[in-house]
Structure formats: C-alpha cells, structure tokens
N, C-alpha and C. Protein backbone atom coordinates (compact mmCIF):
# COMPACT_ATOMS: atom_id res chain seq x y z
N MET A 1 31.90 22.41 -50.08
CA MET A 1 31.34 21.61 -48.98
C MET A 1 29.82 21.79 -48.95
N GLU A 2 29.09 20.67 -48.91
CA GLU A 2 27.64 20.76 -48.94
C GLU A 2 27.08 21.31 -47.63
N ASP A 3 25.94 22.00 -47.76
CA ASP A 3 25.29 22.54 -46.58
C ASP A 3 24.62 21.41 -45.80
N ARG A 4 24.62 21.56 -44.49
CA ARG A 4 24.02 20.53 -43.65
C ARG A 4 23.06 21.17 -42.65
N MET A 5 22.03 20.45 -42.31
CA MET A 5 21.08 20.88 -41.30
C MET A 5 21.23 20.03 -40.05
N LEU A 6 20.77 20.57 -38.95
CA LEU A 6 20.82 19.86 -37.69
C LEU A 6 19.44 19.28 -37.42
N LEU A 7 19.35 17.96 -37.32
CA LEU A 7 18.08 17.28 -37.10
C LEU A 7 18.12 16.47 -35.82
N ARG A 8 16.94 16.25 -35.27
CA ARG A 8 16.81 15.38 -34.10
C ARG A 8 15.84 14.25 -34.41
N LEU A 9 16.22 13.05 -34.05
CA LEU A 9 15.36 11.88 -34.19
C LEU A 9 15.02 11.35 -32.80
N ARG A 10 13.76 11.04 -32.58
CA ARG A 10 13.38 10.34 -31.35
C ARG A 10 13.04 8.91 -31.73
N ILE A 11 13.75 7.98 -31.13
CA ILE A 11 13.57 6.57 -31.47
C ILE A 11 13.32 5.74 -30.22
N THR A 12 12.53 4.69 -30.39
CA THR A 12 12.36 3.66 -29.38
C THR A 12 13.11 2.43 -29.87
N LEU A 13 13.90 1.82 -29.00
CA LEU A 13 14.70 0.68 -29.41
C LEU A 13 14.80 -0.31 -28.26
N PRO A 14 15.09 -1.58 -28.55
CA PRO A 14 15.25 -2.56 -27.49
C PRO A 14 16.39 -2.18 -26.55
N ASP A 15 16.17 -2.28 -25.27
CA ASP A 15 17.20 -1.95 -24.28
C ASP A 15 18.05 -3.18 -24.04
N GLN A 16 18.90 -3.45 -24.99
CA GLN A 16 19.76 -4.63 -24.92
C GLN A 16 21.07 -4.34 -25.64
N PRO A 17 22.13 -5.08 -25.28
CA PRO A 17 23.43 -4.84 -25.90
C PRO A 17 23.38 -4.94 -27.42
N GLY A 18 24.00 -3.99 -28.09
CA GLY A 18 24.09 -4.02 -29.54
C GLY A 18 23.04 -3.20 -30.27
N SER A 19 21.92 -2.89 -29.59
CA SER A 19 20.84 -2.17 -30.28
C SER A 19 21.28 -0.79 -30.73
N LEU A 20 21.90 -0.04 -29.82
CA LEU A 20 22.32 1.32 -30.18
C LEU A 20 23.41 1.29 -31.25
N GLY A 21 24.27 0.30 -31.19
CA GLY A 21 25.32 0.19 -32.20
C GLY A 21 24.73 -0.04 -33.58
N ARG A 22 23.68 -0.86 -33.66
CA ARG A 22 23.03 -1.08 -34.96
C ARG A 22 22.38 0.20 -35.47
N VAL A 23 21.82 1.00 -34.55
CA VAL A 23 21.21 2.27 -34.95
C VAL A 23 22.26 3.22 -35.50
N THR A 24 23.36 3.37 -34.79
CA THR A 24 24.39 4.31 -35.23
C THR A 24 25.02 3.88 -36.55
N ARG A 25 25.19 2.57 -36.75
CA ARG A 25 25.76 2.10 -38.02
C ARG A 25 24.80 2.39 -39.18
N ALA A 26 23.50 2.18 -38.94
CA ALA A 26 22.51 2.43 -39.99
C ALA A 26 22.47 3.91 -40.35
N LEU A 27 22.50 4.78 -39.36
CA LEU A 27 22.47 6.21 -39.62
C LEU A 27 23.74 6.67 -40.33
N GLY A 28 24.88 6.14 -39.90
CA GLY A 28 26.14 6.48 -40.54
C GLY A 28 26.18 6.05 -41.99
N ALA A 29 25.65 4.86 -42.27
CA ALA A 29 25.63 4.37 -43.64
C ALA A 29 24.72 5.23 -44.52
N ALA A 30 23.70 5.83 -43.91
CA ALA A 30 22.77 6.68 -44.67
C ALA A 30 23.35 8.06 -44.94
N GLY A 31 24.45 8.41 -44.24
CA GLY A 31 25.07 9.71 -44.46
C GLY A 31 24.89 10.70 -43.33
N ALA A 32 24.34 10.24 -42.21
CA ALA A 32 24.14 11.12 -41.06
C ALA A 32 25.40 11.18 -40.21
N ASP A 33 25.71 12.37 -39.73
CA ASP A 33 26.85 12.58 -38.83
C ASP A 33 26.28 12.76 -37.42
N ILE A 34 26.38 11.72 -36.60
CA ILE A 34 25.79 11.75 -35.26
C ILE A 34 26.63 12.62 -34.34
N THR A 35 25.98 13.57 -33.68
CA THR A 35 26.70 14.49 -32.80
C THR A 35 26.32 14.32 -31.32
N GLN A 36 25.16 13.74 -31.07
CA GLN A 36 24.74 13.60 -29.67
C GLN A 36 23.63 12.55 -29.54
N ILE A 37 23.69 11.77 -28.46
CA ILE A 37 22.63 10.82 -28.13
C ILE A 37 22.24 11.03 -26.68
N VAL A 38 20.96 11.27 -26.44
CA VAL A 38 20.45 11.48 -25.09
C VAL A 38 19.41 10.42 -24.79
N VAL A 39 19.60 9.69 -23.70
CA VAL A 39 18.63 8.68 -23.27
C VAL A 39 17.55 9.37 -22.45
N LEU A 40 16.31 9.32 -22.94
CA LEU A 40 15.20 9.96 -22.24
C LEU A 40 14.59 9.04 -21.18
N GLU A 41 14.50 7.75 -21.50
CA GLU A 41 13.95 6.83 -20.52
C GLU A 41 14.33 5.40 -20.87
N ARG A 42 14.32 4.54 -19.83
CA ARG A 42 14.58 3.12 -20.00
C ARG A 42 13.63 2.36 -19.08
N GLY A 43 13.11 1.25 -19.58
CA GLY A 43 12.23 0.43 -18.76
C GLY A 43 11.44 -0.54 -19.61
N ASP A 44 11.04 -1.67 -19.00
CA ASP A 44 10.25 -2.70 -19.69
C ASP A 44 10.93 -3.18 -20.96
N GLY A 45 12.26 -3.23 -20.91
CA GLY A 45 13.00 -3.79 -22.04
C GLY A 45 13.17 -2.85 -23.21
N GLN A 46 12.80 -1.58 -23.04
CA GLN A 46 12.93 -0.62 -24.12
C GLN A 46 13.59 0.66 -23.63
N ALA A 47 14.15 1.40 -24.58
CA ALA A 47 14.73 2.71 -24.28
C ALA A 47 14.20 3.72 -25.29
N VAL A 48 14.12 4.97 -24.86
CA VAL A 48 13.73 6.06 -25.75
C VAL A 48 14.90 7.04 -25.79
N ASP A 49 15.43 7.26 -27.00
CA ASP A 49 16.61 8.11 -27.17
C ASP A 49 16.30 9.25 -28.12
N ASP A 50 16.91 10.40 -27.87
CA ASP A 50 16.95 11.50 -28.83
C ASP A 50 18.34 11.51 -29.46
N VAL A 51 18.38 11.39 -30.77
CA VAL A 51 19.65 11.37 -31.51
C VAL A 51 19.73 12.63 -32.36
N THR A 52 20.79 13.41 -32.18
CA THR A 52 20.99 14.63 -32.96
C THR A 52 22.04 14.37 -34.03
N VAL A 53 21.72 14.74 -35.27
CA VAL A 53 22.62 14.46 -36.38
C VAL A 53 22.75 15.68 -37.29
N PHE A 54 23.88 15.78 -37.96
CA PHE A 54 24.01 16.68 -39.10
C PHE A 54 23.60 15.88 -40.33
N TRP A 55 22.79 16.54 -41.20
CA TRP A 55 22.22 15.84 -42.34
C TRP A 55 22.29 16.77 -43.55
N PRO A 56 22.68 16.25 -44.72
CA PRO A 56 22.78 17.11 -45.91
C PRO A 56 21.45 17.78 -46.25
N ASP A 57 21.51 19.08 -46.51
CA ASP A 57 20.30 19.83 -46.85
C ASP A 57 19.57 19.24 -48.06
N ALA A 58 20.34 18.74 -49.02
CA ALA A 58 19.76 18.26 -50.27
C ALA A 58 19.12 16.88 -50.15
N SER A 59 19.36 16.19 -49.03
CA SER A 59 18.82 14.83 -48.86
C SER A 59 17.49 14.86 -48.14
N PRO A 60 16.51 14.08 -48.58
CA PRO A 60 15.21 14.04 -47.90
C PRO A 60 15.32 13.42 -46.52
N ARG A 61 14.56 13.96 -45.59
CA ARG A 61 14.58 13.42 -44.23
C ARG A 61 14.07 11.98 -44.18
N GLU A 62 13.22 11.62 -45.15
CA GLU A 62 12.66 10.27 -45.16
C GLU A 62 13.77 9.22 -45.25
N SER A 63 14.92 9.61 -45.82
CA SER A 63 16.02 8.65 -45.94
C SER A 63 16.53 8.21 -44.57
N LEU A 64 16.41 9.11 -43.57
CA LEU A 64 16.82 8.75 -42.22
C LEU A 64 15.94 7.64 -41.66
N THR A 65 14.63 7.82 -41.79
CA THR A 65 13.73 6.80 -41.26
C THR A 65 13.85 5.51 -42.05
N GLU A 66 14.05 5.62 -43.36
CA GLU A 66 14.23 4.42 -44.18
C GLU A 66 15.45 3.62 -43.71
N SER A 67 16.51 4.34 -43.31
CA SER A 67 17.74 3.65 -42.91
C SER A 67 17.56 2.82 -41.65
N LEU A 68 16.54 3.14 -40.86
CA LEU A 68 16.33 2.43 -39.59
C LEU A 68 15.26 1.34 -39.68
N ARG A 69 14.60 1.23 -40.83
CA ARG A 69 13.52 0.24 -40.94
C ARG A 69 14.02 -1.19 -40.83
N GLU A 70 15.27 -1.41 -41.22
CA GLU A 70 15.81 -2.76 -41.19
C GLU A 70 16.44 -3.11 -39.85
N VAL A 71 16.45 -2.16 -38.92
CA VAL A 71 17.03 -2.43 -37.60
C VAL A 71 15.94 -3.04 -36.71
N PRO A 72 16.11 -4.25 -36.24
CA PRO A 72 15.07 -4.94 -35.48
C PRO A 72 14.65 -4.18 -34.22
N GLY A 73 13.35 -4.01 -34.05
CA GLY A 73 12.79 -3.44 -32.83
C GLY A 73 12.85 -1.93 -32.73
N VAL A 74 13.35 -1.25 -33.76
CA VAL A 74 13.49 0.22 -33.70
C VAL A 74 12.25 0.88 -34.30
N VAL A 75 11.71 1.86 -33.57
CA VAL A 75 10.58 2.65 -34.04
C VAL A 75 10.99 4.12 -34.02
N VAL A 76 10.83 4.80 -35.14
CA VAL A 76 11.14 6.23 -35.22
C VAL A 76 9.88 7.01 -34.86
N GLU A 77 9.91 7.74 -33.75
CA GLU A 77 8.75 8.50 -33.29
C GLU A 77 8.64 9.86 -33.98
N GLY A 78 9.77 10.39 -34.44
CA GLY A 78 9.72 11.68 -35.10
C GLY A 78 11.09 12.15 -35.54
N VAL A 79 11.10 12.99 -36.58
CA VAL A 79 12.32 13.64 -37.06
C VAL A 79 11.99 15.11 -37.25
N TRP A 80 12.76 15.99 -36.64
CA TRP A 80 12.47 17.41 -36.75
C TRP A 80 13.74 18.25 -36.60
N GLY A 81 13.65 19.48 -37.04
CA GLY A 81 14.80 20.37 -36.98
C GLY A 81 15.06 20.87 -35.57
N THR A 82 16.32 21.14 -35.28
CA THR A 82 16.70 21.68 -33.98
C THR A 82 17.77 22.74 -34.17
N ARG A 83 17.82 23.70 -33.25
CA ARG A 83 18.87 24.72 -33.24
C ARG A 83 19.70 24.63 -31.97
N GLU A 84 19.46 23.60 -31.17
CA GLU A 84 20.21 23.42 -29.93
C GLU A 84 21.54 22.75 -30.23
N ALA A 85 22.62 23.47 -30.02
CA ALA A 85 23.94 22.94 -30.33
C ALA A 85 24.25 21.74 -29.45
N PRO A 86 24.67 20.62 -30.02
CA PRO A 86 24.98 19.42 -29.24
C PRO A 86 26.09 19.65 -28.24
N GLY A 87 25.96 19.01 -27.08
CA GLY A 87 27.01 19.07 -26.08
C GLY A 87 27.07 20.36 -25.29
N THR A 88 26.08 21.22 -25.45
CA THR A 88 26.06 22.48 -24.70
C THR A 88 24.96 22.47 -23.66
N TYR A 89 24.95 23.45 -22.80
CA TYR A 89 23.91 23.60 -21.79
C TYR A 89 23.31 25.00 -21.95
N PRO A 90 22.50 25.18 -22.99
CA PRO A 90 22.03 26.53 -23.32
C PRO A 90 21.18 27.16 -22.24
N GLU A 91 20.49 26.34 -21.43
CA GLU A 91 19.66 26.95 -20.39
C GLU A 91 20.49 27.74 -19.38
N LEU A 92 21.73 27.31 -19.16
CA LEU A 92 22.60 28.04 -18.24
C LEU A 92 22.95 29.41 -18.82
N GLU A 93 23.23 29.44 -20.12
CA GLU A 93 23.54 30.72 -20.77
C GLU A 93 22.32 31.64 -20.76
N ILE A 94 21.16 31.09 -21.05
CA ILE A 94 19.95 31.90 -21.08
C ILE A 94 19.64 32.46 -19.70
N LEU A 95 19.75 31.64 -18.67
CA LEU A 95 19.47 32.13 -17.32
C LEU A 95 20.47 33.21 -16.92
N LYS A 96 21.70 33.11 -17.41
CA LYS A 96 22.69 34.16 -17.14
C LYS A 96 22.24 35.47 -17.77
N TYR A 97 21.76 35.41 -19.02
CA TYR A 97 21.28 36.61 -19.68
C TYR A 97 20.05 37.17 -19.00
N VAL A 98 19.16 36.29 -18.55
CA VAL A 98 17.92 36.72 -17.90
C VAL A 98 18.21 37.53 -16.65
N THR A 99 19.22 37.13 -15.89
CA THR A 99 19.52 37.82 -14.64
C THR A 99 19.93 39.27 -14.85
N THR A 100 20.40 39.60 -16.05
CA THR A 100 20.84 40.97 -16.32
C THR A 100 19.94 41.68 -17.32
N ALA A 101 18.80 41.04 -17.66
CA ALA A 101 17.94 41.61 -18.70
C ALA A 101 16.95 42.65 -18.18
N GLY A 102 16.83 42.79 -16.87
CA GLY A 102 15.93 43.79 -16.31
C GLY A 102 14.50 43.56 -16.73
N ASP A 103 13.86 44.61 -17.26
CA ASP A 103 12.46 44.51 -17.66
C ASP A 103 12.26 43.58 -18.85
N ARG A 104 13.34 43.19 -19.51
CA ARG A 104 13.25 42.29 -20.66
C ARG A 104 13.46 40.83 -20.26
N ALA A 105 13.49 40.53 -18.98
CA ALA A 105 13.79 39.17 -18.52
C ALA A 105 12.79 38.15 -19.07
N LEU A 106 11.51 38.45 -18.96
CA LEU A 106 10.49 37.52 -19.43
C LEU A 106 10.57 37.34 -20.95
N ALA A 107 10.71 38.43 -21.68
CA ALA A 107 10.81 38.35 -23.14
C ALA A 107 12.05 37.56 -23.56
N THR A 108 13.15 37.74 -22.84
CA THR A 108 14.37 37.00 -23.15
C THR A 108 14.15 35.51 -22.97
N LEU A 109 13.47 35.13 -21.92
CA LEU A 109 13.18 33.72 -21.67
C LEU A 109 12.29 33.14 -22.77
N ILE A 110 11.22 33.85 -23.11
CA ILE A 110 10.28 33.35 -24.12
C ILE A 110 10.96 33.23 -25.47
N ASP A 111 11.76 34.20 -25.86
CA ASP A 111 12.44 34.15 -27.14
C ASP A 111 13.42 32.97 -27.23
N SER A 112 13.93 32.53 -26.09
CA SER A 112 14.91 31.44 -26.07
C SER A 112 14.28 30.05 -26.05
N MET A 113 13.01 29.97 -25.68
CA MET A 113 12.37 28.67 -25.49
C MET A 113 12.39 27.78 -26.73
N PRO A 114 12.10 28.30 -27.93
CA PRO A 114 12.14 27.42 -29.11
C PRO A 114 13.50 26.78 -29.33
N VAL A 115 14.57 27.51 -29.05
CA VAL A 115 15.91 26.94 -29.20
C VAL A 115 16.18 25.91 -28.12
N LEU A 116 15.81 26.21 -26.89
CA LEU A 116 16.08 25.32 -25.77
C LEU A 116 15.38 23.98 -25.93
N PHE A 117 14.20 23.98 -26.56
CA PHE A 117 13.40 22.76 -26.62
C PHE A 117 13.14 22.28 -28.05
N SER A 118 13.92 22.75 -28.99
CA SER A 118 13.74 22.34 -30.39
C SER A 118 12.26 22.43 -30.78
N ALA A 119 11.67 23.56 -30.45
CA ALA A 119 10.25 23.82 -30.73
C ALA A 119 10.13 24.89 -31.80
N ASP A 120 8.89 25.19 -32.18
CA ASP A 120 8.64 26.19 -33.22
C ASP A 120 8.45 27.60 -32.67
N TRP A 121 7.72 27.71 -31.57
CA TRP A 121 7.48 29.04 -31.01
C TRP A 121 7.05 28.92 -29.54
N ALA A 122 7.05 30.07 -28.88
CA ALA A 122 6.59 30.15 -27.49
C ALA A 122 5.89 31.48 -27.29
N ALA A 123 5.00 31.52 -26.34
CA ALA A 123 4.27 32.76 -26.03
C ALA A 123 3.85 32.72 -24.58
N VAL A 124 3.62 33.90 -24.03
CA VAL A 124 3.11 34.00 -22.67
C VAL A 124 1.99 35.02 -22.66
N GLY A 125 0.91 34.70 -21.93
CA GLY A 125 -0.24 35.59 -21.88
C GLY A 125 -0.94 35.52 -20.55
N THR A 126 -1.92 36.36 -20.37
CA THR A 126 -2.66 36.38 -19.12
C THR A 126 -3.38 35.05 -18.93
N GLU A 127 -3.49 34.60 -17.68
CA GLU A 127 -4.00 33.26 -17.41
C GLU A 127 -5.53 33.16 -17.53
N GLU A 128 -6.21 34.28 -17.50
CA GLU A 128 -7.67 34.25 -17.58
C GLU A 128 -8.14 34.77 -18.93
N GLU A 129 -9.29 34.23 -19.38
CA GLU A 129 -9.89 34.71 -20.63
C GLU A 129 -10.51 36.09 -20.44
N PRO A 130 -10.47 36.94 -21.47
CA PRO A 130 -9.78 36.73 -22.75
C PRO A 130 -8.27 36.86 -22.59
N HIS A 131 -7.54 35.89 -23.10
CA HIS A 131 -6.09 35.87 -22.93
C HIS A 131 -5.45 37.00 -23.74
N VAL A 132 -4.59 37.73 -23.07
CA VAL A 132 -3.86 38.81 -23.72
C VAL A 132 -2.40 38.39 -23.82
N VAL A 133 -1.86 38.37 -25.03
CA VAL A 133 -0.47 37.98 -25.23
C VAL A 133 0.45 39.07 -24.70
N VAL A 134 1.31 38.69 -23.77
CA VAL A 134 2.28 39.62 -23.20
C VAL A 134 3.55 39.66 -24.04
N HIS A 135 3.97 38.48 -24.50
CA HIS A 135 5.13 38.41 -25.40
C HIS A 135 5.06 37.09 -26.16
N ALA A 136 5.48 37.11 -27.42
CA ALA A 136 5.53 35.91 -28.24
C ALA A 136 6.83 35.89 -29.03
N SER A 137 7.36 34.72 -29.22
CA SER A 137 8.60 34.57 -29.98
C SER A 137 8.32 34.63 -31.47
N TRP A 138 9.39 34.67 -32.24
CA TRP A 138 9.29 34.63 -33.70
C TRP A 138 8.55 33.36 -34.11
N ARG A 139 7.70 33.45 -35.11
CA ARG A 139 6.92 32.35 -35.69
C ARG A 139 5.67 32.00 -34.89
N ALA A 140 5.41 32.71 -33.79
CA ALA A 140 4.17 32.46 -33.06
C ALA A 140 2.99 32.96 -33.88
N PRO A 141 1.86 32.25 -33.85
CA PRO A 141 0.70 32.69 -34.64
C PRO A 141 0.07 33.95 -34.05
N SER A 142 -0.71 34.63 -34.86
CA SER A 142 -1.38 35.84 -34.37
C SER A 142 -2.41 35.51 -33.30
N GLN A 143 -3.01 34.32 -33.40
CA GLN A 143 -3.95 33.85 -32.39
C GLN A 143 -3.32 32.67 -31.65
N VAL A 144 -2.80 32.94 -30.48
CA VAL A 144 -2.13 31.89 -29.71
C VAL A 144 -3.19 31.03 -29.01
N PRO A 145 -3.17 29.71 -29.19
CA PRO A 145 -4.21 28.84 -28.63
C PRO A 145 -4.00 28.49 -27.16
N PHE A 146 -4.07 29.50 -26.31
CA PHE A 146 -3.94 29.25 -24.88
C PHE A 146 -5.08 28.35 -24.40
N PRO A 147 -4.82 27.48 -23.42
CA PRO A 147 -5.91 26.67 -22.87
C PRO A 147 -6.90 27.56 -22.13
N ALA A 148 -8.16 27.12 -22.06
CA ALA A 148 -9.20 27.92 -21.39
C ALA A 148 -8.83 28.18 -19.94
N GLU A 149 -8.24 27.18 -19.29
CA GLU A 149 -7.80 27.33 -17.91
C GLU A 149 -6.33 26.96 -17.82
N SER A 150 -5.58 27.75 -17.10
CA SER A 150 -4.16 27.46 -16.92
C SER A 150 -4.00 26.22 -16.05
N PRO A 151 -3.16 25.25 -16.45
CA PRO A 151 -2.98 24.04 -15.64
C PRO A 151 -2.26 24.36 -14.33
N GLY A 152 -2.40 23.47 -13.37
CA GLY A 152 -1.75 23.68 -12.08
C GLY A 152 -0.25 23.50 -12.14
N ARG A 153 0.22 22.76 -13.13
CA ARG A 153 1.66 22.54 -13.32
C ARG A 153 1.92 22.37 -14.81
N PRO A 154 3.17 22.48 -15.26
CA PRO A 154 3.45 22.30 -16.68
C PRO A 154 2.89 20.98 -17.20
N THR A 155 2.13 21.06 -18.29
CA THR A 155 1.42 19.89 -18.82
C THR A 155 1.55 19.85 -20.33
N ALA A 156 1.88 18.66 -20.86
CA ALA A 156 2.02 18.48 -22.30
C ALA A 156 0.75 17.85 -22.86
N PHE A 157 0.34 18.32 -24.03
CA PHE A 157 -0.80 17.72 -24.72
C PHE A 157 -0.71 18.09 -26.19
N THR A 158 -1.57 17.48 -27.01
CA THR A 158 -1.59 17.74 -28.44
C THR A 158 -2.93 18.35 -28.81
N LEU A 159 -2.87 19.45 -29.55
CA LEU A 159 -4.06 20.20 -29.90
C LEU A 159 -4.12 20.36 -31.41
N GLY A 160 -5.00 19.59 -32.06
CA GLY A 160 -5.14 19.69 -33.51
C GLY A 160 -3.85 19.44 -34.26
N GLY A 161 -3.06 18.48 -33.81
CA GLY A 161 -1.80 18.17 -34.46
C GLY A 161 -0.62 19.00 -33.98
N LEU A 162 -0.89 19.99 -33.14
CA LEU A 162 0.17 20.83 -32.58
C LEU A 162 0.53 20.32 -31.19
N HIS A 163 1.78 19.97 -30.99
CA HIS A 163 2.25 19.51 -29.68
C HIS A 163 2.61 20.73 -28.82
N VAL A 164 2.07 20.81 -27.63
CA VAL A 164 2.30 21.98 -26.78
C VAL A 164 2.59 21.56 -25.34
N VAL A 165 3.20 22.49 -24.63
CA VAL A 165 3.30 22.43 -23.18
C VAL A 165 2.74 23.73 -22.64
N ALA A 166 1.77 23.63 -21.75
CA ALA A 166 1.23 24.81 -21.07
C ALA A 166 1.76 24.81 -19.65
N ALA A 167 2.26 25.96 -19.23
CA ALA A 167 2.88 26.06 -17.90
C ALA A 167 2.43 27.34 -17.21
N PRO A 168 1.99 27.23 -15.95
CA PRO A 168 1.58 28.43 -15.23
C PRO A 168 2.78 29.18 -14.68
N LEU A 169 2.66 30.49 -14.60
CA LEU A 169 3.64 31.34 -13.93
C LEU A 169 2.88 32.07 -12.82
N PRO A 170 2.59 31.38 -11.71
CA PRO A 170 1.67 31.91 -10.69
C PRO A 170 2.02 33.30 -10.15
N PRO A 171 3.31 33.58 -9.85
CA PRO A 171 3.60 34.91 -9.30
C PRO A 171 3.25 36.06 -10.25
N LEU A 172 3.24 35.75 -11.55
CA LEU A 172 2.98 36.78 -12.55
C LEU A 172 1.57 36.71 -13.11
N ALA A 173 0.78 35.71 -12.68
CA ALA A 173 -0.59 35.50 -13.18
C ALA A 173 -0.59 35.34 -14.70
N LEU A 174 0.38 34.57 -15.20
CA LEU A 174 0.52 34.35 -16.64
C LEU A 174 0.58 32.86 -16.95
N THR A 175 0.35 32.53 -18.22
CA THR A 175 0.49 31.16 -18.71
C THR A 175 1.46 31.15 -19.88
N LEU A 176 2.38 30.22 -19.86
CA LEU A 176 3.36 30.06 -20.94
C LEU A 176 2.91 28.91 -21.83
N LEU A 177 3.05 29.09 -23.13
CA LEU A 177 2.73 28.04 -24.09
C LEU A 177 3.93 27.82 -25.00
N LEU A 178 4.40 26.58 -25.06
CA LEU A 178 5.52 26.19 -25.91
C LEU A 178 4.99 25.19 -26.94
N ALA A 179 5.28 25.39 -28.22
CA ALA A 179 4.64 24.60 -29.27
C ALA A 179 5.64 24.03 -30.27
N ARG A 180 5.32 22.82 -30.72
CA ARG A 180 6.13 22.12 -31.72
C ARG A 180 5.18 21.48 -32.73
N ALA A 181 5.30 21.88 -34.00
CA ALA A 181 4.44 21.32 -35.03
C ALA A 181 5.06 20.06 -35.63
N GLU A 182 6.40 20.06 -35.76
CA GLU A 182 7.10 18.90 -36.28
C GLU A 182 7.47 17.96 -35.15
N GLY A 183 7.80 16.72 -35.52
CA GLY A 183 8.33 15.79 -34.54
C GLY A 183 7.29 15.24 -33.59
N PRO A 184 7.75 14.59 -32.50
CA PRO A 184 6.86 13.92 -31.57
C PRO A 184 6.33 14.87 -30.51
N ALA A 185 5.39 14.37 -29.72
CA ALA A 185 4.89 15.13 -28.58
C ALA A 185 6.02 15.36 -27.57
N PHE A 186 5.87 16.36 -26.74
CA PHE A 186 6.88 16.64 -25.72
C PHE A 186 6.97 15.48 -24.73
N HIS A 187 8.16 15.03 -24.50
CA HIS A 187 8.41 13.93 -23.57
C HIS A 187 8.36 14.44 -22.14
N ARG A 188 8.06 13.55 -21.22
CA ARG A 188 7.98 13.97 -19.80
C ARG A 188 9.31 14.53 -19.30
N ILE A 189 10.43 14.07 -19.87
CA ILE A 189 11.73 14.62 -19.47
C ILE A 189 11.84 16.07 -19.92
N GLU A 190 11.31 16.38 -21.10
CA GLU A 190 11.32 17.77 -21.56
C GLU A 190 10.43 18.64 -20.68
N VAL A 191 9.29 18.10 -20.28
CA VAL A 191 8.39 18.85 -19.39
C VAL A 191 9.07 19.10 -18.05
N HIS A 192 9.77 18.10 -17.54
CA HIS A 192 10.49 18.26 -16.27
C HIS A 192 11.59 19.31 -16.40
N ARG A 193 12.29 19.28 -17.53
CA ARG A 193 13.35 20.28 -17.76
C ARG A 193 12.77 21.69 -17.79
N LEU A 194 11.64 21.85 -18.47
CA LEU A 194 10.98 23.16 -18.51
C LEU A 194 10.55 23.59 -17.11
N THR A 195 10.03 22.65 -16.34
CA THR A 195 9.59 22.96 -14.98
C THR A 195 10.75 23.50 -14.14
N ARG A 196 11.89 22.86 -14.24
CA ARG A 196 13.05 23.29 -13.45
C ARG A 196 13.53 24.67 -13.89
N ILE A 197 13.55 24.92 -15.21
CA ILE A 197 13.98 26.23 -15.70
C ILE A 197 13.04 27.32 -15.18
N LEU A 198 11.74 27.07 -15.22
CA LEU A 198 10.77 28.07 -14.75
C LEU A 198 10.87 28.28 -13.25
N GLU A 199 11.14 27.21 -12.51
CA GLU A 199 11.31 27.35 -11.07
C GLU A 199 12.47 28.29 -10.75
N ILE A 200 13.57 28.11 -11.46
CA ILE A 200 14.74 28.98 -11.24
C ILE A 200 14.42 30.41 -11.67
N PHE A 201 13.80 30.53 -12.83
CA PHE A 201 13.46 31.85 -13.37
C PHE A 201 12.58 32.64 -12.38
N LEU A 202 11.59 31.98 -11.81
CA LEU A 202 10.65 32.68 -10.93
C LEU A 202 11.23 33.01 -9.56
N THR A 203 12.38 32.43 -9.22
CA THR A 203 13.02 32.77 -7.95
C THR A 203 13.95 33.97 -8.07
N LEU A 204 14.20 34.42 -9.31
CA LEU A 204 15.09 35.57 -9.49
C LEU A 204 14.39 36.84 -9.01
N PRO A 205 14.96 37.56 -8.06
CA PRO A 205 14.30 38.75 -7.52
C PRO A 205 13.96 39.79 -8.57
N SER A 206 14.78 39.87 -9.61
CA SER A 206 14.55 40.91 -10.62
C SER A 206 13.35 40.63 -11.51
N VAL A 207 12.90 39.38 -11.57
CA VAL A 207 11.84 39.01 -12.51
C VAL A 207 10.52 39.68 -12.15
N GLU A 208 10.05 39.47 -10.92
CA GLU A 208 8.76 40.02 -10.53
C GLU A 208 8.81 41.54 -10.48
N ARG A 209 9.93 42.10 -10.00
CA ARG A 209 10.04 43.56 -9.94
C ARG A 209 10.00 44.15 -11.34
N GLY A 210 10.75 43.53 -12.25
CA GLY A 210 10.79 44.03 -13.61
C GLY A 210 9.44 43.94 -14.30
N PHE A 211 8.70 42.86 -14.06
CA PHE A 211 7.40 42.71 -14.70
C PHE A 211 6.41 43.72 -14.09
N ALA A 212 6.52 43.96 -12.79
CA ALA A 212 5.64 44.95 -12.15
C ALA A 212 5.88 46.34 -12.71
N ARG A 213 7.15 46.68 -12.95
CA ARG A 213 7.46 48.00 -13.53
C ARG A 213 6.92 48.10 -14.94
N ARG A 214 7.01 46.99 -15.68
CA ARG A 214 6.49 47.00 -17.06
C ARG A 214 4.99 47.22 -17.08
N LEU A 215 4.27 46.59 -16.16
CA LEU A 215 2.82 46.76 -16.09
C LEU A 215 2.46 48.19 -15.73
N ARG A 216 3.20 48.76 -14.79
CA ARG A 216 2.91 50.15 -14.40
C ARG A 216 3.17 51.09 -15.57
N GLY A 217 4.26 50.79 -16.34
CA GLY A 217 4.57 51.64 -17.47
C GLY A 217 3.55 51.55 -18.57
N SER A 218 3.02 50.33 -18.80
CA SER A 218 2.01 50.17 -19.85
C SER A 218 0.67 50.71 -19.44
N GLY A 219 0.45 50.78 -18.10
CA GLY A 219 -0.82 51.34 -17.63
C GLY A 219 -0.84 52.83 -17.75
C-alpha cells in the first residue's frame, strides 16, 4: 500500500449548486481521497472552503491544482501539509491536557498550536523589546520575529512571505506568534478560533498561578 500524506487545499468557488460537486469529482479523478470539507465563508456569490485530502506521497502537489484548473470559477489559494486529523476537535483534547499540565500548561498549548492550525511553528515571548522567548515549538527559528508592539487583539499579517498571527496574552504580559510558511494567509475564521481558544486558556485558574511559580523558580 502506497504511503499517503494529509494535505489541505483552500479554494474559492462559485456559491451555486453543482460547484462543490465539480470540485470533488476533479479531485477524485486526480487521485485525492477527500476526508473533510469546511466552509470558511460565503457571500457575494462566492464561497471559501478548506478541503482536506489524503494524497500519495509520490505524486506532486501541483497535480492537485492542475486538476482544478478546468473547473469554472475555482481558484486555489494554497495547498499545504496538515497534521489535524479530519472530523476531530483537537482543541478540546488540548485544553483537557492543559488543565492538568500545571507549570507546563503554557508550553503544552504552544507545542499544540502547529497541529491545531496546520501551521509550521509557534512561540511565545515577552511583549516588550527586547523580546525574550519563553517557549517555542519544534521548528521555530532561533530568532522569532515578534512584532515590535504586541497587538491589542489576535491579528493576522504576512511578514516577508511568512504568514503569522500575533496574539496578546495580557494577564501574562506575553505575545504569542503562530506561523505558516506554506499555504495561504490565516483566514479570519482561523484567527477567531485562536481567539476563542486563548480566551478559554486564560480563564483557567491554574494558568496564571503556574506561570507565576515558573517565573519565581527561574528568578
């Protein structure tokens, strides 16, 4: 049995009957095994969908975009790898682990962010310059490009080809940075999802206490 990778496609398509069916038929004919379709937004006669597929490791990703070129009105915004299992709610599992992680609660959250958002890495550091990295996930660069000023709310932007979301953690005086090098920029629905996860995380009584103990221990 050939090895397969899990990929995500973000596509814009006409919001009309039959459009999604033409997309799924084209992907199926190309050899993609569709496992999940999430509608990110609809309006002005168009829809934006995230489609998750299993794809043969030996096949070039370009074949996916080629398969959709003949579908009228479809634009492929990006194709990138994902580790988020289709049909699951991983944020619920992560928040469950965070509640019992004690002093490791923040690190547990940061390590999970790339999986939750099909991103490359995440890091958290002090909100004021010079930024000191408190914790970074696997694949984070040695020099994390924190914004000069922490935004007032989670904000997505692109920095030198790197798609990021910067989010403040006011009770902890920290800034979180989530980054994706492949694929499209973070969608507003993804930013909203991150906002809700952080809101829940910051209401957990153990979070601030655990971080305060960590600071005292490091001091």
